[in-house]
Amino acid sequence: MNNNLPKPIGEKGGGVENAFTYCLEELRREDRDRYLTLLFAPRPVRPVLAALYTFNLECARGVMAGGAQPVLGQIRLQWWRDALAPGAENTEQAKHPVLTLLPGDPEFVAQLSNLLAAREADLNGPPFATLNDVMAHARATGGALSALAAEILGAQQLAGARAAGTAYALAGMLRAIPYQLQERGFQGRLCLPQDLLVAQNLVFEDIRADDKSAAVAACLKQVAAAAHDELQGLNVGDAAISPLLHATLARAYLRRLAAAGYNPYAPNLGLNPLARPLLLLWRSLLRRP
């Protein structure tokens, strides 16, 4: 574990415990997966991890807010960009609970800014052209987030954490296909790139067509295979297990998707809320995410 975390971005004061409680509640309600993974981290570092994951949640909320009007999402993301800017520690923004806990180290803040930029691409970026573009986006979002978590923990195997987070992001993007339209519930750009769609003689409007379901499933299967490839040879070693547990969740979601014939509209693509923590506990005990 990293015992030398730098001074937080925002005001520390006496609100650290309240800020931690705030982050936990936000994650418990809207990002249950990451809430569960941070419970496998050492207690002293959980507040910082909770803040990191809540920051990511705020970025996702910005994307969702921009579903109908991208400018609304950009305004929310710009608020966070301004809060990370040098000199913002004396502003009202610095009092936000997330900033009370996040390290203020310039390199760390720069990586947070990169996460913001990657999320903003879901609002104003073009459709994914190739599978490599989809992979790059998954690495810049979920992969970078897990690598940052491993860095906070002082783990040496950042590449393994990045791979686990990338696979988890890809699985999430596939499950979010029903919401990857600019309307209520928008969750980012369609993760099926143009090259895969063209290969199956599909256009964007075909994604929901019943008579195109086999071709759509063929596209999903290729993205899922890329997610599986990220997890090949993943080795825990002496690394902290918490961020690597994203690999366990990714595998579980990909299995559910495969069982549904790679139909993104199939019911029950989620994981059993009671079995999910037991699965994570079992894999953490085995040290095999």
Foldseek 3Di string as FASTA:
>chain_A
DDPDFAAFLADQPPCLVVLLVVLLVVCVVPPVPLSLLLVLADPVLSSQLSLLVVLLVQLQVLLLLCLQPNVSSVVSLVLVVCSLDPPNRPDPSRPRSSRNRHGNPPVLSVLSVLQSVLSSCLSVNDAAADLVSLLVSLLSHQLSSQLSVLVSSVFDPSLLLSLLRSLLSLLVLLLCQVQCHSDRNHRGHNSQHPVLQVVLVHDPVCLPPPVCQLSNLVSSVVSNVVSVVSNPPRACPVGRCSSNCSNVLSVLLSVLCVVVSVNSPDPPSHDDPVCVSVSSVVCVVVRHD
